[in-house]
Amino acid sequence: MDNNSSLSSDSQNKAKGAFSFDRKWLLIGIVIALISPVSGLILGITFWTESKLKKEAKVVIALSVIWGLIFIYLSNWLVEQGYLLR
């Protein structure tokens, strides 16, 4: 009987919009990847080693690589336009 009450409280927490453990790590990974693509890549590789965080690792690694490529392209374009110094 006590087990059923704990299951119902878990479902109530999820229904109220409480973040799950994996979702918190995903959001942390996205924020870190946006701040620094290299750090996001390192964090994504670290997530990859955890069996429960494989999906989050793919998202963080992809975001880090895409954001890093955008940053490189944008910084090269800004140098060519004369907005940044070489």
N, C-alpha and C. Protein backbone atom coordinates (compact mmCIF):
# COMPACT_ATOMS: atom_id res chain seq x y z
N MET A 1 0.82 -1.18 0.00
CA MET A 1 0.00 0.00 0.00
C MET A 1 0.87 1.25 0.00
N ASP A 2 1.97 1.23 0.71
CA ASP A 2 2.88 2.37 0.75
C ASP A 2 3.54 2.58 -0.61
N ASN A 3 3.78 1.48 -1.32
CA ASN A 3 4.40 1.55 -2.63
C ASN A 3 3.49 2.28 -3.63
N ASN A 4 2.20 2.04 -3.55
CA ASN A 4 1.26 2.70 -4.45
C ASN A 4 1.21 4.21 -4.21
N SER A 5 1.31 4.63 -2.95
CA SER A 5 1.28 6.06 -2.66
C SER A 5 2.53 6.75 -3.20
N SER A 6 3.68 6.07 -3.19
CA SER A 6 4.89 6.68 -3.74
C SER A 6 4.81 6.77 -5.25
N LEU A 7 4.17 5.80 -5.89
CA LEU A 7 3.99 5.86 -7.34
C LEU A 7 3.06 6.99 -7.73
N SER A 8 2.01 7.19 -6.97
CA SER A 8 1.08 8.26 -7.29
C SER A 8 1.72 9.62 -7.07
N SER A 9 2.57 9.76 -6.07
CA SER A 9 3.24 11.04 -5.85
C SER A 9 4.23 11.33 -6.96
N ASP A 10 4.89 10.30 -7.51
CA ASP A 10 5.79 10.50 -8.64
C ASP A 10 5.03 10.98 -9.87
N SER A 11 3.88 10.37 -10.12
CA SER A 11 3.09 10.78 -11.28
C SER A 11 2.52 12.18 -11.08
N GLN A 12 2.22 12.56 -9.85
CA GLN A 12 1.73 13.90 -9.58
C GLN A 12 2.83 14.93 -9.81
N ASN A 13 4.08 14.62 -9.42
CA ASN A 13 5.18 15.54 -9.65
C ASN A 13 5.41 15.75 -11.14
N LYS A 14 5.32 14.69 -11.92
CA LYS A 14 5.50 14.82 -13.36
C LYS A 14 4.35 15.60 -13.98
N ALA A 15 3.16 15.42 -13.46
CA ALA A 15 2.00 16.12 -13.99
C ALA A 15 2.07 17.61 -13.68
N LYS A 16 2.70 17.98 -12.60
CA LYS A 16 2.81 19.38 -12.21
C LYS A 16 3.90 20.10 -12.99
N GLY A 17 4.64 19.39 -13.82
CA GLY A 17 5.67 20.04 -14.62
C GLY A 17 7.05 19.97 -14.00
N ALA A 18 7.23 19.13 -13.03
CA ALA A 18 8.55 18.99 -12.42
C ALA A 18 9.50 18.39 -13.44
N PHE A 19 10.72 18.91 -13.49
CA PHE A 19 11.71 18.42 -14.42
C PHE A 19 12.22 17.06 -13.99
N SER A 20 12.43 16.20 -14.94
CA SER A 20 13.02 14.91 -14.64
C SER A 20 14.54 15.08 -14.56
N PHE A 21 15.19 14.07 -14.06
CA PHE A 21 16.65 14.09 -13.91
C PHE A 21 17.32 14.29 -15.26
N ASP A 22 16.87 13.54 -16.29
CA ASP A 22 17.48 13.63 -17.61
C ASP A 22 17.25 15.00 -18.24
N ARG A 23 16.07 15.56 -18.03
CA ARG A 23 15.75 16.86 -18.61
C ARG A 23 16.62 17.96 -18.00
N LYS A 24 16.91 17.88 -16.73
CA LYS A 24 17.78 18.87 -16.10
C LYS A 24 19.17 18.82 -16.72
N TRP A 25 19.69 17.62 -16.92
CA TRP A 25 21.02 17.50 -17.51
C TRP A 25 21.04 17.97 -18.95
N LEU A 26 19.94 17.75 -19.68
CA LEU A 26 19.86 18.23 -21.05
C LEU A 26 19.90 19.76 -21.09
N LEU A 27 19.15 20.41 -20.22
CA LEU A 27 19.14 21.86 -20.20
C LEU A 27 20.50 22.43 -19.79
N ILE A 28 21.14 21.80 -18.82
CA ILE A 28 22.48 22.22 -18.42
C ILE A 28 23.45 22.07 -19.59
N GLY A 29 23.36 20.95 -20.29
CA GLY A 29 24.24 20.72 -21.44
C GLY A 29 24.02 21.73 -22.55
N ILE A 30 22.76 22.08 -22.82
CA ILE A 30 22.47 23.06 -23.87
C ILE A 30 23.02 24.43 -23.50
N VAL A 31 22.85 24.83 -22.26
CA VAL A 31 23.37 26.13 -21.83
C VAL A 31 24.89 26.17 -21.94
N ILE A 32 25.55 25.12 -21.50
CA ILE A 32 27.01 25.08 -21.58
C ILE A 32 27.47 25.05 -23.03
N ALA A 33 26.78 24.31 -23.89
CA ALA A 33 27.15 24.25 -25.31
C ALA A 33 27.00 25.61 -25.98
N LEU A 34 25.98 26.39 -25.58
CA LEU A 34 25.80 27.72 -26.16
C LEU A 34 26.83 28.71 -25.65
N ILE A 35 27.27 28.57 -24.42
CA ILE A 35 28.28 29.46 -23.87
C ILE A 35 29.65 29.15 -24.48
N SER A 36 30.00 27.88 -24.54
CA SER A 36 31.29 27.48 -25.07
C SER A 36 31.15 26.16 -25.81
N PRO A 37 31.31 26.17 -27.14
CA PRO A 37 31.16 24.93 -27.90
C PRO A 37 32.15 23.84 -27.50
N VAL A 38 33.36 24.21 -27.13
CA VAL A 38 34.35 23.21 -26.73
C VAL A 38 33.93 22.54 -25.42
N SER A 39 33.48 23.34 -24.47
CA SER A 39 33.01 22.78 -23.21
C SER A 39 31.76 21.92 -23.41
N GLY A 40 30.89 22.35 -24.31
CA GLY A 40 29.71 21.56 -24.62
C GLY A 40 30.07 20.23 -25.25
N LEU A 41 31.10 20.24 -26.10
CA LEU A 41 31.56 18.99 -26.71
C LEU A 41 32.13 18.05 -25.65
N ILE A 42 32.90 18.58 -24.73
CA ILE A 42 33.45 17.77 -23.64
C ILE A 42 32.33 17.22 -22.77
N LEU A 43 31.35 18.05 -22.44
CA LEU A 43 30.23 17.60 -21.63
C LEU A 43 29.40 16.56 -22.37
N GLY A 44 29.21 16.74 -23.67
CA GLY A 44 28.47 15.77 -24.47
C GLY A 44 29.16 14.42 -24.50
N ILE A 45 30.47 14.43 -24.61
CA ILE A 45 31.24 13.17 -24.58
C ILE A 45 31.11 12.52 -23.20
N THR A 46 31.11 13.34 -22.17
CA THR A 46 30.92 12.81 -20.82
C THR A 46 29.53 12.20 -20.66
N PHE A 47 28.52 12.87 -21.18
CA PHE A 47 27.16 12.31 -21.16
C PHE A 47 27.10 11.00 -21.91
N TRP A 48 27.85 10.89 -23.00
CA TRP A 48 27.83 9.68 -23.84
C TRP A 48 28.27 8.45 -23.05
N THR A 49 29.13 8.63 -22.06
CA THR A 49 29.62 7.49 -21.27
C THR A 49 28.57 6.97 -20.30
N GLU A 50 27.55 7.78 -20.02
CA GLU A 50 26.47 7.36 -19.13
C GLU A 50 25.36 6.71 -19.96
N SER A 51 24.93 5.54 -19.54
CA SER A 51 23.93 4.81 -20.33
C SER A 51 22.58 5.51 -20.36
N LYS A 52 22.22 6.22 -19.30
CA LYS A 52 20.91 6.88 -19.24
C LYS A 52 20.90 8.21 -19.98
N LEU A 53 22.04 8.74 -20.36
CA LEU A 53 22.11 10.08 -20.95
C LEU A 53 22.55 10.06 -22.41
N LYS A 54 22.35 8.95 -23.12
CA LYS A 54 22.78 8.85 -24.52
C LYS A 54 22.04 9.83 -25.42
N LYS A 55 20.73 9.97 -25.25
CA LYS A 55 19.95 10.89 -26.08
C LYS A 55 20.39 12.33 -25.84
N GLU A 56 20.59 12.69 -24.59
CA GLU A 56 21.02 14.04 -24.24
C GLU A 56 22.40 14.32 -24.80
N ALA A 57 23.26 13.30 -24.80
CA ALA A 57 24.61 13.46 -25.35
C ALA A 57 24.56 13.80 -26.83
N LYS A 58 23.69 13.13 -27.58
CA LYS A 58 23.58 13.40 -29.01
C LYS A 58 23.15 14.84 -29.26
N VAL A 59 22.20 15.32 -28.48
CA VAL A 59 21.71 16.69 -28.65
C VAL A 59 22.81 17.69 -28.32
N VAL A 60 23.50 17.49 -27.21
CA VAL A 60 24.53 18.44 -26.77
C VAL A 60 25.71 18.43 -27.75
N ILE A 61 26.13 17.27 -28.21
CA ILE A 61 27.24 17.20 -29.17
C ILE A 61 26.85 17.87 -30.48
N ALA A 62 25.66 17.59 -30.98
CA ALA A 62 25.22 18.20 -32.23
C ALA A 62 25.13 19.72 -32.10
N LEU A 63 24.57 20.19 -31.01
CA LEU A 63 24.46 21.63 -30.80
C LEU A 63 25.83 22.28 -30.68
N SER A 64 26.77 21.62 -30.00
CA SER A 64 28.12 22.17 -29.86
C SER A 64 28.81 22.28 -31.20
N VAL A 65 28.70 21.25 -32.02
CA VAL A 65 29.36 21.26 -33.33
C VAL A 65 28.73 22.33 -34.23
N ILE A 66 27.41 22.38 -34.27
CA ILE A 66 26.73 23.37 -35.12
C ILE A 66 27.04 24.78 -34.66
N TRP A 67 26.97 25.04 -33.36
CA TRP A 67 27.25 26.36 -32.83
C TRP A 67 28.71 26.73 -33.05
N GLY A 68 29.62 25.79 -32.93
CA GLY A 68 31.03 26.05 -33.20
C GLY A 68 31.28 26.42 -34.65
N LEU A 69 30.64 25.71 -35.58
CA LEU A 69 30.79 26.04 -37.01
C LEU A 69 30.19 27.40 -37.33
N ILE A 70 29.04 27.71 -36.74
CA ILE A 70 28.44 29.04 -36.95
C ILE A 70 29.36 30.12 -36.41
N PHE A 71 29.94 29.90 -35.26
CA PHE A 71 30.84 30.88 -34.65
C PHE A 71 32.07 31.12 -35.52
N ILE A 72 32.66 30.04 -36.05
CA ILE A 72 33.83 30.17 -36.90
C ILE A 72 33.48 30.92 -38.18
N TYR A 73 32.38 30.53 -38.82
CA TYR A 73 31.95 31.19 -40.05
C TYR A 73 31.65 32.67 -39.80
N LEU A 74 30.93 32.96 -38.74
CA LEU A 74 30.55 34.33 -38.43
C LEU A 74 31.78 35.18 -38.09
N SER A 75 32.71 34.64 -37.33
CA SER A 75 33.89 35.42 -36.98
C SER A 75 34.76 35.67 -38.22
N ASN A 76 34.88 34.69 -39.12
CA ASN A 76 35.63 34.93 -40.36
C ASN A 76 34.95 35.98 -41.22
N TRP A 77 33.64 35.95 -41.30
CA TRP A 77 32.90 36.93 -42.08
C TRP A 77 33.07 38.33 -41.49
N LEU A 78 33.04 38.43 -40.16
CA LEU A 78 33.20 39.73 -39.52
C LEU A 78 34.61 40.28 -39.72
N VAL A 79 35.62 39.43 -39.77
CA VAL A 79 36.98 39.88 -40.06
C VAL A 79 37.07 40.38 -41.49
N GLU A 80 36.46 39.67 -42.44
CA GLU A 80 36.48 40.10 -43.84
C GLU A 80 35.75 41.42 -44.03
N GLN A 81 34.73 41.67 -43.27
CA GLN A 81 33.98 42.92 -43.37
C GLN A 81 34.67 44.08 -42.65
N GLY A 82 35.67 43.77 -41.85
CA GLY A 82 36.42 44.81 -41.16
C GLY A 82 35.89 45.15 -39.77
N TYR A 83 34.94 44.38 -39.29
CA TYR A 83 34.39 44.64 -37.96
C TYR A 83 35.26 44.09 -36.85
N LEU A 84 36.03 43.07 -37.14
CA LEU A 84 36.97 42.47 -36.18
C LEU A 84 38.38 42.58 -36.73
N LEU A 85 39.34 42.73 -35.85
CA LEU A 85 40.74 42.79 -36.27
C LEU A 85 41.31 41.38 -36.40
N ARG A 86 42.25 41.23 -37.29
CA ARG A 86 42.91 39.92 -37.45
C ARG A 86 43.87 39.67 -36.33
